[in-house]
C-alpha atoms as a PDB file:
ATOM      1  CA  UNK A   1      11.876 -10.438  10.960  1.00  0.00           C
ATOM      2  CA  UNK A   2      12.160  -7.232   8.683  1.00  0.00           C
ATOM      3  CA  UNK A   3      14.243  -6.320   5.739  1.00  0.00           C
ATOM      4  CA  UNK A   4      17.282  -4.449   5.216  1.00  0.00           C
ATOM      5  CA  UNK A   5      17.018  -1.257   3.199  1.00  0.00           C
ATOM      6  CA  UNK A   6      19.702  -2.415   0.434  1.00  0.00           C
ATOM      7  CA  UNK A   7      16.865  -5.449  -0.070  1.00  0.00           C
ATOM      8  CA  UNK A   8      13.892  -3.000  -0.322  1.00  0.00           C
ATOM      9  CA  UNK A   9      15.493  -0.766  -2.908  1.00  0.00           C
ATOM     10  CA  UNK A  10      16.842  -3.608  -4.817  1.00  0.00           C
ATOM     11  CA  UNK A  11      13.321  -5.745  -4.948  1.00  0.00           C
ATOM     12  CA  UNK A  12      11.658  -2.318  -5.799  1.00  0.00           C
ATOM     13  CA  UNK A  13      14.000  -1.874  -8.696  1.00  0.00           C
ATOM     14  CA  UNK A  14      13.400  -5.493  -9.453  1.00  0.00           C
ATOM     15  CA  UNK A  15       9.768  -5.151  -9.557  1.00  0.00           C
ATOM     16  CA  UNK A  16       9.753  -1.862 -11.463  1.00  0.00           C
ATOM     17  CA  UNK A  17      11.770  -3.730 -14.443  1.00  0.00           C
ATOM     18  CA  UNK A  18       9.165  -6.552 -14.588  1.00  0.00           C
ATOM     19  CA  UNK A  19       6.255  -3.804 -14.527  1.00  0.00           C
ATOM     20  CA  UNK A  20       8.315  -2.159 -17.338  1.00  0.00           C
ATOM     21  CA  UNK A  21       8.605  -5.246 -19.805  1.00  0.00           C
ATOM     22  CA  UNK A  22       4.628  -5.961 -19.129  1.00  0.00           C
ATOM     23  CA  UNK A  23       3.799  -2.754 -20.013  1.00  0.00           C
ATOM     24  CA  UNK A  24       5.950  -2.098 -23.014  1.00  0.00           C
ATOM     25  CA  UNK A  25       4.435  -5.610 -24.405  1.00  0.00           C
ATOM     26  CA  UNK A  26       1.136  -4.308 -23.899  1.00  0.00           C
ATOM     27  CA  UNK A  27       1.564  -1.162 -25.562  1.00  0.00           C
ATOM     28  CA  UNK A  28       2.879  -2.832 -28.336  1.00  0.00           C
ATOM     29  CA  UNK A  29      -0.636  -5.019 -28.512  1.00  0.00           C
ATOM     30  CA  UNK A  30      -2.594  -1.981 -27.854  1.00  0.00           C
ATOM     31  CA  UNK A  31      -0.738  -0.237 -30.924  1.00  0.00           C
ATOM     32  CA  UNK A  32      -1.357  -3.190 -33.147  1.00  0.00           C
ATOM     33  CA  UNK A  33      -4.970  -3.667 -31.979  1.00  0.00           C
ATOM     34  CA  UNK A  34      -5.791  -0.157 -32.440  1.00  0.00           C
ATOM     35  CA  UNK A  35      -8.558   0.177 -29.554  1.00  0.00           C
ATOM     36  CA  UNK A  36      -8.301  -0.691 -25.623  1.00  0.00           C
ATOM     37  CA  UNK A  37     -11.507  -2.264 -25.631  1.00  0.00           C
ATOM     38  CA  UNK A  38     -10.712  -4.667 -28.266  1.00  0.00           C
ATOM     39  CA  UNK A  39      -7.324  -5.415 -26.211  1.00  0.00           C
ATOM     40  CA  UNK A  40      -9.459  -6.067 -23.205  1.00  0.00           C
ATOM     41  CA  UNK A  41     -11.994  -8.320 -24.717  1.00  0.00           C
ATOM     42  CA  UNK A  42      -9.359 -10.450 -26.371  1.00  0.00           C
ATOM     43  CA  UNK A  43      -7.974 -10.290 -22.960  1.00  0.00           C
ATOM     44  CA  UNK A  44     -11.206 -11.774 -21.723  1.00  0.00           C
ATOM     45  CA  UNK A  45     -11.370 -14.785 -23.942  1.00  0.00           C
ATOM     46  CA  UNK A  46     -13.317 -13.133 -27.008  1.00  0.00           C
ATOM     47  CA  UNK A  47     -11.018 -14.144 -29.943  1.00  0.00           C
ATOM     48  CA  UNK A  48     -14.136 -13.795 -32.172  1.00  0.00           C
ATOM     49  CA  UNK A  49     -14.138 -10.506 -33.912  1.00  0.00           C
ATOM     50  CA  UNK A  50     -12.044  -8.673 -36.465  1.00  0.00           C
ATOM     51  CA  UNK A  51      -8.702  -7.358 -35.608  1.00  0.00           C
ATOM     52  CA  UNK A  52      -5.937  -5.639 -37.219  1.00  0.00           C
ATOM     53  CA  UNK A  53      -3.539  -7.691 -35.408  1.00  0.00           C
ATOM     54  CA  UNK A  54      -2.680 -10.156 -33.285  1.00  0.00           C
ATOM     55  CA  UNK A  55      -2.407  -9.900 -29.429  1.00  0.00           C
ATOM     56  CA  UNK A  56       0.950 -11.320 -27.716  1.00  0.00           C
ATOM     57  CA  UNK A  57      -0.446 -10.789 -24.173  1.00  0.00           C
ATOM     58  CA  UNK A  58      -3.121 -12.518 -22.510  1.00  0.00           C
ATOM     59  CA  UNK A  59      -5.035 -11.597 -19.112  1.00  0.00           C
ATOM     60  CA  UNK A  60      -1.924 -12.894 -16.961  1.00  0.00           C
ATOM     61  CA  UNK A  61       0.083  -9.759 -18.288  1.00  0.00           C
ATOM     62  CA  UNK A  62      -2.130  -6.943 -17.305  1.00  0.00           C
ATOM     63  CA  UNK A  63      -2.287  -9.032 -13.571  1.00  0.00           C
ATOM     64  CA  UNK A  64       1.422  -9.173 -13.495  1.00  0.00           C
ATOM     65  CA  UNK A  65       1.847  -5.581 -14.301  1.00  0.00           C
ATOM     66  CA  UNK A  66      -0.498  -4.791 -11.449  1.00  0.00           C
ATOM     67  CA  UNK A  67       1.266  -7.294  -9.169  1.00  0.00           C
ATOM     68  CA  UNK A  68       4.639  -5.908 -10.112  1.00  0.00           C
ATOM     69  CA  UNK A  69       3.631  -2.349  -9.285  1.00  0.00           C
ATOM     70  CA  UNK A  70       2.245  -3.067  -6.137  1.00  0.00           C
ATOM     71  CA  UNK A  71       5.413  -5.042  -5.198  1.00  0.00           C
ATOM     72  CA  UNK A  72       7.296  -2.313  -5.957  1.00  0.00           C
ATOM     73  CA  UNK A  73       5.373   0.024  -3.456  1.00  0.00           C
ATOM     74  CA  UNK A  74       5.453  -2.785  -0.891  1.00  0.00           C
ATOM     75  CA  UNK A  75       9.122  -3.257  -1.056  1.00  0.00           C
ATOM     76  CA  UNK A  76       9.501   0.149  -0.303  1.00  0.00           C
ATOM     77  CA  UNK A  77       7.298   1.172   2.152  1.00  0.00           C
ATOM     78  CA  UNK A  78       5.186  -1.917   3.586  1.00  0.00           C
ATOM     79  CA  UNK A  79       6.269  -4.117   6.517  1.00  0.00           C
ATOM     80  CA  UNK A  80       5.334  -7.227   4.504  1.00  0.00           C
ATOM     81  CA  UNK A  81       7.892  -6.594   2.062  1.00  0.00           C
ATOM     82  CA  UNK A  82       9.611 -10.159   2.068  1.00  0.00           C
ATOM     83  CA  UNK A  83       6.438 -11.725   1.328  1.00  0.00           C
ATOM     84  CA  UNK A  84       5.578  -9.615  -1.135  1.00  0.00           C
ATOM     85  CA  UNK A  85       8.756  -9.839  -3.294  1.00  0.00           C
ATOM     86  CA  UNK A  86       8.721 -13.415  -2.608  1.00  0.00           C
ATOM     87  CA  UNK A  87       5.225 -13.682  -3.994  1.00  0.00           C
ATOM     88  CA  UNK A  88       5.735 -11.908  -6.858  1.00  0.00           C
ATOM     89  CA  UNK A  89       8.911 -13.391  -8.272  1.00  0.00           C
ATOM     90  CA  UNK A  90       7.242 -17.117  -7.206  1.00  0.00           C
ATOM     91  CA  UNK A  91       4.317 -16.311  -9.460  1.00  0.00           C
ATOM     92  CA  UNK A  92       6.385 -14.496 -12.068  1.00  0.00           C
ATOM     93  CA  UNK A  93       8.898 -17.943 -12.515  1.00  0.00           C
ATOM     94  CA  UNK A  94       5.715 -20.276 -12.270  1.00  0.00           C
ATOM     95  CA  UNK A  95       4.015 -18.226 -15.424  1.00  0.00           C
ATOM     96  CA  UNK A  96       7.026 -17.445 -17.425  1.00  0.00           C
ATOM     97  CA  UNK A  97       8.793 -20.983 -17.500  1.00  0.00           C
ATOM     98  CA  UNK A  98       7.038 -22.206 -20.537  1.00  0.00           C
ATOM     99  CA  UNK A  99       8.386 -19.459 -22.438  1.00  0.00           C
ATOM    100  CA  UNK A 100      11.405 -21.207 -22.476  1.00  0.00           C
ATOM    101  CA  UNK A 101      10.328 -23.539 -25.194  1.00  0.00           C
ATOM    102  CA  UNK A 102       8.186 -20.769 -26.950  1.00  0.00           C
ATOM    103  CA  UNK A 103       8.667 -20.588 -30.828  1.00  0.00           C
ATOM    104  CA  UNK A 104       8.451 -16.929 -30.594  1.00  0.00           C
ATOM    105  CA  UNK A 105      12.000 -15.241 -30.575  1.00  0.00           C
ATOM    106  CA  UNK A 106      10.490 -12.263 -28.830  1.00  0.00           C
ATOM    107  CA  UNK A 107       8.795 -14.208 -26.265  1.00  0.00           C
ATOM    108  CA  UNK A 108      11.944 -16.521 -25.627  1.00  0.00           C
ATOM    109  CA  UNK A 109      13.879 -13.170 -24.791  1.00  0.00           C
ATOM    110  CA  UNK A 110      11.301 -12.035 -22.641  1.00  0.00           C
ATOM    111  CA  UNK A 111      10.893 -15.261 -20.840  1.00  0.00           C
ATOM    112  CA  UNK A 112      14.697 -15.281 -19.942  1.00  0.00           C
ATOM    113  CA  UNK A 113      14.651 -11.786 -18.786  1.00  0.00           C
ATOM    114  CA  UNK A 114      11.683 -11.869 -16.609  1.00  0.00           C
ATOM    115  CA  UNK A 115      12.808 -15.549 -14.986  1.00  0.00           C
ATOM    116  CA  UNK A 116      16.215 -13.815 -14.134  1.00  0.00           C
ATOM    117  CA  UNK A 117      14.230 -11.019 -12.357  1.00  0.00           C
ATOM    118  CA  UNK A 118      11.801 -13.143 -10.523  1.00  0.00           C
ATOM    119  CA  UNK A 119      14.894 -15.269  -9.215  1.00  0.00           C
ATOM    120  CA  UNK A 120      16.608 -12.004  -8.300  1.00  0.00           C
ATOM    121  CA  UNK A 121      13.070 -11.094  -6.229  1.00  0.00           C
ATOM    122  CA  UNK A 122      13.302 -14.628  -4.575  1.00  0.00           C
ATOM    123  CA  UNK A 123      16.853 -14.381  -3.518  1.00  0.00           C
ATOM    124  CA  UNK A 124      16.474 -10.868  -2.273  1.00  0.00           C
ATOM    125  CA  UNK A 125      13.373 -11.742  -0.270  1.00  0.00           C
ATOM    126  CA  UNK A 126      15.520 -14.452   1.558  1.00  0.00           C
ATOM    127  CA  UNK A 127      18.604 -12.746   1.805  1.00  0.00           C
ATOM    128  CA  UNK A 128      17.175  -9.420   2.780  1.00  0.00           C
ATOM    129  CA  UNK A 129      15.638 -10.555   5.812  1.00  0.00           C
ATOM    130  CA  UNK A 130      16.764  -9.558   9.366  1.00  0.00           C
ATOM    131  CA  UNK A 131      15.679  -9.473  13.107  1.00  0.00           C
ATOM    132  CA  UNK A 132      14.627  -6.187  14.308  1.00  0.00           C
ATOM    133  CA  UNK A 133      16.511  -4.352  16.192  1.00  0.00           C
ATOM    134  CA  UNK A 134      14.689  -1.332  16.895  1.00  0.00           C
ATOM    135  CA  UNK A 135      11.584  -0.926  18.912  1.00  0.00           C
ATOM    136  CA  UNK A 136      10.054   1.434  16.259  1.00  0.00           C
ATOM    137  CA  UNK A 137      10.733  -1.386  13.364  1.00  0.00           C
ATOM    138  CA  UNK A 138       7.380  -2.811  12.161  1.00  0.00           C
ATOM    139  CA  UNK A 139       7.144  -6.649  12.276  1.00  0.00           C
ATOM    140  CA  UNK A 140       4.936  -8.501   9.934  1.00  0.00           C
ATOM    141  CA  UNK A 141       1.145  -8.912  11.193  1.00  0.00           C
ATOM    142  CA  UNK A 142      -0.834 -11.807  11.316  1.00  0.00           C
ATOM    143  CA  UNK A 143      -4.473 -11.415   9.866  1.00  0.00           C
ATOM    144  CA  UNK A 144      -7.179 -11.850  12.414  1.00  0.00           C
ATOM    145  CA  UNK A 145      -8.456 -15.195  13.120  1.00  0.00           C
ATOM    146  CA  UNK A 146     -12.072 -15.081  11.553  1.00  0.00           C
ATOM    147  CA  UNK A 147     -10.762 -13.295   8.388  1.00  0.00           C
ATOM    148  CA  UNK A 148      -8.096 -15.439   7.789  1.00  0.00           C
ATOM    149  CA  UNK A 149     -10.323 -18.786   8.292  1.00  0.00           C
ATOM    150  CA  UNK A 150     -12.916 -16.885   5.644  1.00  0.00           C
ATOM    151  CA  UNK A 151     -10.339 -16.397   3.222  1.00  0.00           C
ATOM    152  CA  UNK A 152      -8.976 -19.716   3.546  1.00  0.00           C
ATOM    153  CA  UNK A 153     -12.263 -21.472   2.742  1.00  0.00           C
ATOM    154  CA  UNK A 154     -12.931 -19.288  -0.249  1.00  0.00           C
ATOM    155  CA  UNK A 155      -9.283 -19.987  -1.774  1.00  0.00           C
ATOM    156  CA  UNK A 156      -9.952 -23.690  -0.627  1.00  0.00           C
ATOM    157  CA  UNK A 157     -12.844 -23.883  -2.604  1.00  0.00           C
ATOM    158  CA  UNK A 158     -11.605 -22.392  -5.392  1.00  0.00           C
ATOM    159  CA  UNK A 159      -8.817 -24.568  -5.852  1.00  0.00           C
ATOM    160  CA  UNK A 160     -11.005 -27.514  -5.625  1.00  0.00           C
ATOM    161  CA  UNK A 161     -13.276 -26.358  -8.216  1.00  0.00           C
ATOM    162  CA  UNK A 162     -10.432 -25.643 -10.427  1.00  0.00           C
ATOM    163  CA  UNK A 163      -9.093 -28.907 -10.247  1.00  0.00           C
ATOM    164  CA  UNK A 164     -12.346 -30.590 -10.669  1.00  0.00           C
ATOM    165  CA  UNK A 165     -12.720 -28.507 -14.052  1.00  0.00           C
ATOM    166  CA  UNK A 166      -9.495 -29.606 -14.987  1.00  0.00           C
ATOM    167  CA  UNK A 167     -10.299 -33.364 -14.446  1.00  0.00           C
ATOM    168  CA  UNK A 168     -13.489 -32.699 -16.379  1.00  0.00           C
ATOM    169  CA  UNK A 169     -11.519 -31.546 -19.378  1.00  0.00           C
ATOM    170  CA  UNK A 170      -8.887 -34.307 -19.096  1.00  0.00           C
ATOM    171  CA  UNK A 171     -11.744 -37.067 -19.353  1.00  0.00           C
ATOM    172  CA  UNK A 172     -13.466 -34.881 -22.497  1.00  0.00           C
ATOM    173  CA  UNK A 173     -10.592 -34.124 -24.514  1.00  0.00           C
ATOM    174  CA  UNK A 174      -8.004 -36.414 -26.103  1.00  0.00           C
ATOM    175  CA  UNK A 175      -4.923 -37.446 -24.652  1.00  0.00           C
ATOM    176  CA  UNK A 176      -2.951 -35.443 -27.099  1.00  0.00           C
ATOM    177  CA  UNK A 177      -4.806 -32.571 -26.293  1.00  0.00           C
ATOM    178  CA  UNK A 178      -4.708 -32.943 -22.616  1.00  0.00           C
ATOM    179  CA  UNK A 179      -0.812 -33.323 -23.090  1.00  0.00           C
ATOM    180  CA  UNK A 180      -0.657 -29.727 -25.307  1.00  0.00           C
ATOM    181  CA  UNK A 181      -2.657 -28.104 -22.870  1.00  0.00           C
ATOM    182  CA  UNK A 182      -0.031 -28.576 -20.036  1.00  0.00           C
ATOM    183  CA  UNK A 183       2.976 -28.230 -22.493  1.00  0.00           C
ATOM    184  CA  UNK A 184       1.599 -25.513 -25.374  1.00  0.00           C
ATOM    185  CA  UNK A 185       1.742 -28.048 -28.017  1.00  0.00           C
ATOM    186  CA  UNK A 186       0.197 -27.156 -31.748  1.00  0.00           C
ATOM    187  CA  UNK A 187      -3.305 -28.132 -30.993  1.00  0.00           C
ATOM    188  CA  UNK A 188      -3.400 -25.056 -28.362  1.00  0.00           C
ATOM    189  CA  UNK A 189      -3.606 -21.442 -29.903  1.00  0.00           C
ATOM    190  CA  UNK A 190      -2.940 -19.219 -27.436  1.00  0.00           C
ATOM    191  CA  UNK A 191      -1.104 -15.631 -27.387  1.00  0.00           C
ATOM    192  CA  UNK A 192       2.560 -15.602 -27.411  1.00  0.00           C
ATOM    193  CA  UNK A 193       3.395 -14.411 -23.793  1.00  0.00           C
ATOM    194  CA  UNK A 194       0.476 -16.725 -22.646  1.00  0.00           C
ATOM    195  CA  UNK A 195       1.441 -19.796 -20.395  1.00  0.00           C
ATOM    196  CA  UNK A 196      -0.598 -23.244 -21.893  1.00  0.00           C
ATOM    197  CA  UNK A 197      -3.975 -23.454 -20.396  1.00  0.00           C
ATOM    198  CA  UNK A 198      -3.468 -26.382 -18.254  1.00  0.00           C
ATOM    199  CA  UNK A 199      -0.335 -25.040 -17.054  1.00  0.00           C
ATOM    200  CA  UNK A 200      -1.847 -22.008 -15.604  1.00  0.00           C
ATOM    201  CA  UNK A 201      -4.713 -23.868 -14.333  1.00  0.00           C
ATOM    202  CA  UNK A 202      -2.220 -25.904 -12.399  1.00  0.00           C
ATOM    203  CA  UNK A 203      -0.455 -23.099 -11.332  1.00  0.00           C
ATOM    204  CA  UNK A 204      -3.674 -21.232 -10.067  1.00  0.00           C
ATOM    205  CA  UNK A 205      -4.640 -24.438  -8.127  1.00  0.00           C
ATOM    206  CA  UNK A 206      -1.085 -24.485  -6.415  1.00  0.00           C
ATOM    207  CA  UNK A 207      -1.678 -20.576  -5.696  1.00  0.00           C
ATOM    208  CA  UNK A 208      -4.886 -21.029  -3.881  1.00  0.00           C
ATOM    209  CA  UNK A 209      -3.883 -23.945  -1.930  1.00  0.00           C
ATOM    210  CA  UNK A 210      -0.609 -22.752  -0.583  1.00  0.00           C
ATOM    211  CA  UNK A 211      -2.684 -19.227   0.074  1.00  0.00           C
ATOM    212  CA  UNK A 212      -5.396 -21.107   1.992  1.00  0.00           C
ATOM    213  CA  UNK A 213      -2.973 -23.089   3.934  1.00  0.00           C
ATOM    214  CA  UNK A 214      -1.457 -19.768   5.012  1.00  0.00           C
ATOM    215  CA  UNK A 215      -4.299 -18.071   6.012  1.00  0.00           C
ATOM    216  CA  UNK A 216      -5.743 -21.230   8.002  1.00  0.00           C
ATOM    217  CA  UNK A 217      -2.148 -21.213   9.538  1.00  0.00           C
ATOM    218  CA  UNK A 218      -2.314 -17.425  10.082  1.00  0.00           C
ATOM    219  CA  UNK A 219       1.132 -17.154   8.881  1.00  0.00           C
ATOM    220  CA  UNK A 220       2.591 -13.484   8.544  1.00  0.00           C
ATOM    221  CA  UNK A 221       3.290 -14.422   4.602  1.00  0.00           C
ATOM    222  CA  UNK A 222      -0.517 -15.182   4.129  1.00  0.00           C
ATOM    223  CA  UNK A 223      -1.549 -11.608   3.364  1.00  0.00           C
ATOM    224  CA  UNK A 224       0.706 -11.232   0.297  1.00  0.00           C
ATOM    225  CA  UNK A 225      -0.058 -14.769  -1.353  1.00  0.00           C
ATOM    226  CA  UNK A 226      -3.875 -14.492  -0.228  1.00  0.00           C
ATOM    227  CA  UNK A 227      -3.954 -10.858  -2.158  1.00  0.00           C
ATOM    228  CA  UNK A 228      -2.046 -12.330  -5.031  1.00  0.00           C
ATOM    229  CA  UNK A 229      -4.427 -15.257  -4.831  1.00  0.00           C
ATOM    230  CA  UNK A 230      -7.558 -13.120  -4.537  1.00  0.00           C
ATOM    231  CA  UNK A 231      -6.508 -11.177  -7.300  1.00  0.00           C
ATOM    232  CA  UNK A 232      -6.369 -13.450  -9.828  1.00  0.00           C
ATOM    233  CA  UNK A 233      -9.353 -15.449  -8.878  1.00  0.00           C
ATOM    234  CA  UNK A 234     -11.198 -11.964  -9.272  1.00  0.00           C
ATOM    235  CA  UNK A 235      -9.542 -11.105 -12.823  1.00  0.00           C
ATOM    236  CA  UNK A 236     -10.061 -14.673 -13.966  1.00  0.00           C
ATOM    237  CA  UNK A 237     -13.879 -14.444 -12.559  1.00  0.00           C
ATOM    238  CA  UNK A 238     -14.664 -11.295 -14.228  1.00  0.00           C
ATOM    239  CA  UNK A 239     -13.196 -11.995 -17.405  1.00  0.00           C
ATOM    240  CA  UNK A 240     -15.495 -14.917 -17.859  1.00  0.00           C
ATOM    241  CA  UNK A 241     -18.389 -13.313 -16.545  1.00  0.00           C
ATOM    242  CA  UNK A 242     -17.859 -10.240 -18.800  1.00  0.00           C
ATOM    243  CA  UNK A 243     -17.627 -12.784 -21.856  1.00  0.00           C
ATOM    244  CA  UNK A 244     -20.899 -14.760 -20.561  1.00  0.00           C
ATOM    245  CA  UNK A 245     -22.575 -11.172 -20.347  1.00  0.00           C
ATOM    246  CA  UNK A 246     -21.391  -9.811 -23.818  1.00  0.00           C
ATOM    247  CA  UNK A 247     -23.049 -13.305 -25.357  1.00  0.00           C
ATOM    248  CA  UNK A 248     -25.767 -12.787 -23.481  1.00  0.00           C
ATOM    249  CA  UNK A 249     -25.471 -16.363 -21.946  1.00  0.00           C
ATOM    250  CA  UNK A 250     -26.516 -15.131 -18.868  1.00  0.00           C
ATOM    251  CA  UNK A 251     -29.827 -13.865 -20.147  1.00  0.00           C
ATOM    252  CA  UNK A 252     -30.420 -17.194 -21.371  1.00  0.00           C
ATOM    253  CA  UNK A 253     -29.142 -19.166 -18.572  1.00  0.00           C
ATOM    254  CA  UNK A 254     -32.123 -21.435 -18.241  1.00  0.00           C
ATOM    255  CA  UNK A 255     -31.837 -22.920 -21.922  1.00  0.00           C
ATOM    256  CA  UNK A 256     -28.016 -23.831 -21.788  1.00  0.00           C
ATOM    257  CA  UNK A 257     -26.826 -26.839 -21.485  1.00  0.00           C
ATOM    258  CA  UNK A 258     -25.550 -28.131 -17.638  1.00  0.00           C
ATOM    259  CA  UNK A 259     -22.038 -27.915 -18.210  1.00  0.00           C
ATOM    260  CA  UNK A 260     -22.280 -24.263 -19.691  1.00  0.00           C
ATOM    261  CA  UNK A 261     -24.299 -23.511 -16.663  1.00  0.00           C
ATOM    262  CA  UNK A 262     -21.857 -24.569 -13.953  1.00  0.00           C
ATOM    263  CA  UNK A 263     -18.904 -22.906 -16.074  1.00  0.00           C
ATOM    264  CA  UNK A 264     -20.994 -19.558 -15.388  1.00  0.00           C
ATOM    265  CA  UNK A 265     -21.580 -20.384 -11.766  1.00  0.00           C
ATOM    266  CA  UNK A 266     -17.852 -20.783 -11.272  1.00  0.00           C
ATOM    267  CA  UNK A 267     -17.020 -17.568 -12.972  1.00  0.00           C
ATOM    268  CA  UNK A 268     -19.616 -16.079 -10.615  1.00  0.00           C
ATOM    269  CA  UNK A 269     -18.322 -17.379  -7.428  1.00  0.00           C
ATOM    270  CA  UNK A 270     -14.655 -16.821  -8.657  1.00  0.00           C
ATOM    271  CA  UNK A 271     -15.718 -13.033  -9.215  1.00  0.00           C
ATOM    272  CA  UNK A 272     -17.188 -12.652  -5.544  1.00  0.00           C
ATOM    273  CA  UNK A 273     -14.671 -14.866  -4.002  1.00  0.00           C
ATOM    274  CA  UNK A 274     -11.857 -13.315  -5.388  1.00  0.00           C
ATOM    275  CA  UNK A 275     -13.148  -9.706  -3.975  1.00  0.00           C
ATOM    276  CA  UNK A 276     -13.949 -11.258  -0.688  1.00  0.00           C
ATOM    277  CA  UNK A 277     -10.375 -12.793  -0.156  1.00  0.00           C
ATOM    278  CA  UNK A 278      -9.139  -9.191  -1.420  1.00  0.00           C
ATOM    279  CA  UNK A 279     -11.101  -7.251   1.201  1.00  0.00           C
ATOM    280  CA  UNK A 280     -10.717  -9.967   4.162  1.00  0.00           C
ATOM    281  CA  UNK A 281      -6.957  -9.721   3.854  1.00  0.00           C
ATOM    282  CA  UNK A 282      -6.559  -6.137   3.216  1.00  0.00           C
ATOM    283  CA  UNK A 283      -7.507  -5.285   6.615  1.00  0.00           C
ATOM    284  CA  UNK A 284      -5.206  -4.407   9.183  1.00  0.00           C
ATOM    285  CA  UNK A 285      -3.605  -7.470  10.776  1.00  0.00           C
ATOM    286  CA  UNK A 286      -2.794  -8.089  14.489  1.00  0.00           C
ATOM    287  CA  UNK A 287       0.539  -7.544  16.071  1.00  0.00           C
ATOM    288  CA  UNK A 288       2.448 -10.158  18.064  1.00  0.00           C
ATOM    289  CA  UNK A 289       2.845  -9.169  21.487  1.00  0.00           C
ATOM    290  CA  UNK A 290       6.604  -7.629  21.996  1.00  0.00           C
ATOM    291  CA  UNK A 291       8.933 -10.105  23.970  1.00  0.00           C
ATOM    292  CA  UNK A 292       9.188  -9.376  27.627  1.00  0.00           C
ATOM    293  CA  UNK A 293       5.937  -6.960  27.508  1.00  0.00           C
ATOM    294  CA  UNK A 294       4.351  -8.947  30.247  1.00  0.00           C
ATOM    295  CA  UNK A 295       7.592  -9.823  32.424  1.00  0.00           C
ATOM    296  CA  UNK A 296       8.761 -13.219  33.482  1.00  0.00           C
ATOM    297  CA  UNK A 297       5.198 -14.029  34.719  1.00  0.00           C
ATOM    298  CA  UNK A 298       3.444 -13.670  31.443  1.00  0.00           C
ATOM    299  CA  UNK A 299       0.268 -11.904  30.888  1.00  0.00           C
ATOM    300  CA  UNK A 300      -1.347 -13.331  33.621  1.00  0.00           C
ATOM    301  CA  UNK A 301       1.068 -12.162  36.537  1.00  0.00           C
ATOM    302  CA  UNK A 302      -0.671 -12.332  39.868  1.00  0.00           C
ATOM    303  CA  UNK A 303       0.260  -8.709  40.838  1.00  0.00           C
ATOM    304  CA  UNK A 304      -2.123  -6.221  38.866  1.00  0.00           C
ATOM    305  CA  UNK A 305       0.381  -3.473  38.428  1.00  0.00           C
ATOM    306  CA  UNK A 306       3.866  -3.083  37.324  1.00  0.00           C
ATOM    307  CA  UNK A 307       6.792  -2.873  39.554  1.00  0.00           C
ATOM    308  CA  UNK A 308       9.791  -0.276  39.657  1.00  0.00           C
ATOM    309  CA  UNK A 309      11.019  -2.546  37.426  1.00  0.00           C
ATOM    310  CA  UNK A 310       8.505  -1.734  34.969  1.00  0.00           C
ATOM    311  CA  UNK A 311       7.587  -5.717  34.360  1.00  0.00           C
ATOM    312  CA  UNK A 312       3.894  -6.696  35.559  1.00  0.00           C
ATOM    313  CA  UNK A 313       4.114  -9.232  38.362  1.00  0.00           C
ATOM    314  CA  UNK A 314       7.535  -8.507  39.192  1.00  0.00           C
ATOM    315  CA  UNK A 315       8.843  -6.160  41.835  1.00  0.00           C
ATOM    316  CA  UNK A 316      12.419  -7.183  41.403  1.00  0.00           C
ATOM    317  CA  UNK A 317      14.640  -9.243  39.602  1.00  0.00           C
ATOM    318  CA  UNK A 318      13.571 -12.362  37.931  1.00  0.00           C
ATOM    319  CA  UNK A 319      12.631 -14.847  40.491  1.00  0.00           C
ATOM    320  CA  UNK A 320      12.538 -12.349  43.435  1.00  0.00           C
ATOM    321  CA  UNK A 321       9.723 -12.076  45.827  1.00  0.00           C
ATOM    322  CA  UNK A 322       8.159  -8.548  46.507  1.00  0.00           C
ATOM    323  CA  UNK A 323       9.414  -6.761  49.363  1.00  0.00           C
ATOM    324  CA  UNK A 324       8.145  -7.191  52.655  1.00  0.00           C
ATOM    325  CA  UNK A 325       5.791  -4.907  54.144  1.00  0.00           C
ATOM    326  CA  UNK A 326       7.297  -2.377  57.087  1.00  0.00           C
ATOM    327  CA  UNK A 327       7.238  -4.003  60.659  1.00  0.00           C
ATOM    328  CA  UNK A 328       4.839  -2.103  62.970  1.00  0.00           C
ATOM    329  CA  UNK A 329       5.970   0.538  65.702  1.00  0.00           C
ATOM    330  CA  UNK A 330       6.749  -0.723  68.838  1.00  0.00           C
ATOM    331  CA  UNK A 331       4.142  -0.352  71.759  1.00  0.00           C
ATOM    332  CA  UNK A 332       3.805   2.896  72.975  1.00  0.00           C
ATOM    333  CA  UNK A 333       4.994   4.576  70.212  1.00  0.00           C
END
């Protein structure tokens, strides 16, 4: 299946609109904080420094900006346009849904706009598909088996690790705090556009697990969802590792409590695993053989050369036998 040109143009426009909204909010925060470095550390989770304002964005916003920009490019140029649009729309829907009950009016309007754009992406990806009708049209490829399995294992482990951490925090924190981490209640202090931490963790677990399953199956959409999952995994890991280095936690690793050591190790794994997934799935995939490329007898036909009809193992119409050899000349010829 490929994507029609109107669907490509529509998807690119929707992705560009999502990227523009994210860029406007980031520029607004940059003007409020006055320093790109302070904003970057705020995204990394370092909120313990004096700033001249409060950030409305979080780490998910620059990641969504990059994802939307990549989706716009993929919609115009990639054979994986449908899966790229579907992945971008699905993740945006999941991340912006909690904004519907946000107290900030600007965050609510942004959530409504981005949810509409994301839904449009999913509809465009589904409705814009069509069968390939020409030999020159490039079809989506499948990742090589080894790379797909390796990426699937890393993503599955990442989903399991994040699930275990959420179970741990649910047992350590009071019930009302655990509920607030899912719904964004009063006990949770977060930027206006950021999803609640528990909601974000649940979304990432679902994304990692879905991407791992598609990678194990070598599905054609595994590249788009796997790259998206790898990007989030690497971004979250990088933020946590940077924060640990900033506060010199890594330098005093042996002196830290066991839980803090596990947090740092999980962050390092997330960073390395995310980069590895990006490298594994960014490589060129394997194309399926074109239908009928080997003739009715398949790739292991008994005859090793093409006949006059162009298919291997067939010298005539389907089911016909090869022509008989010429009869020998009469005696005395």
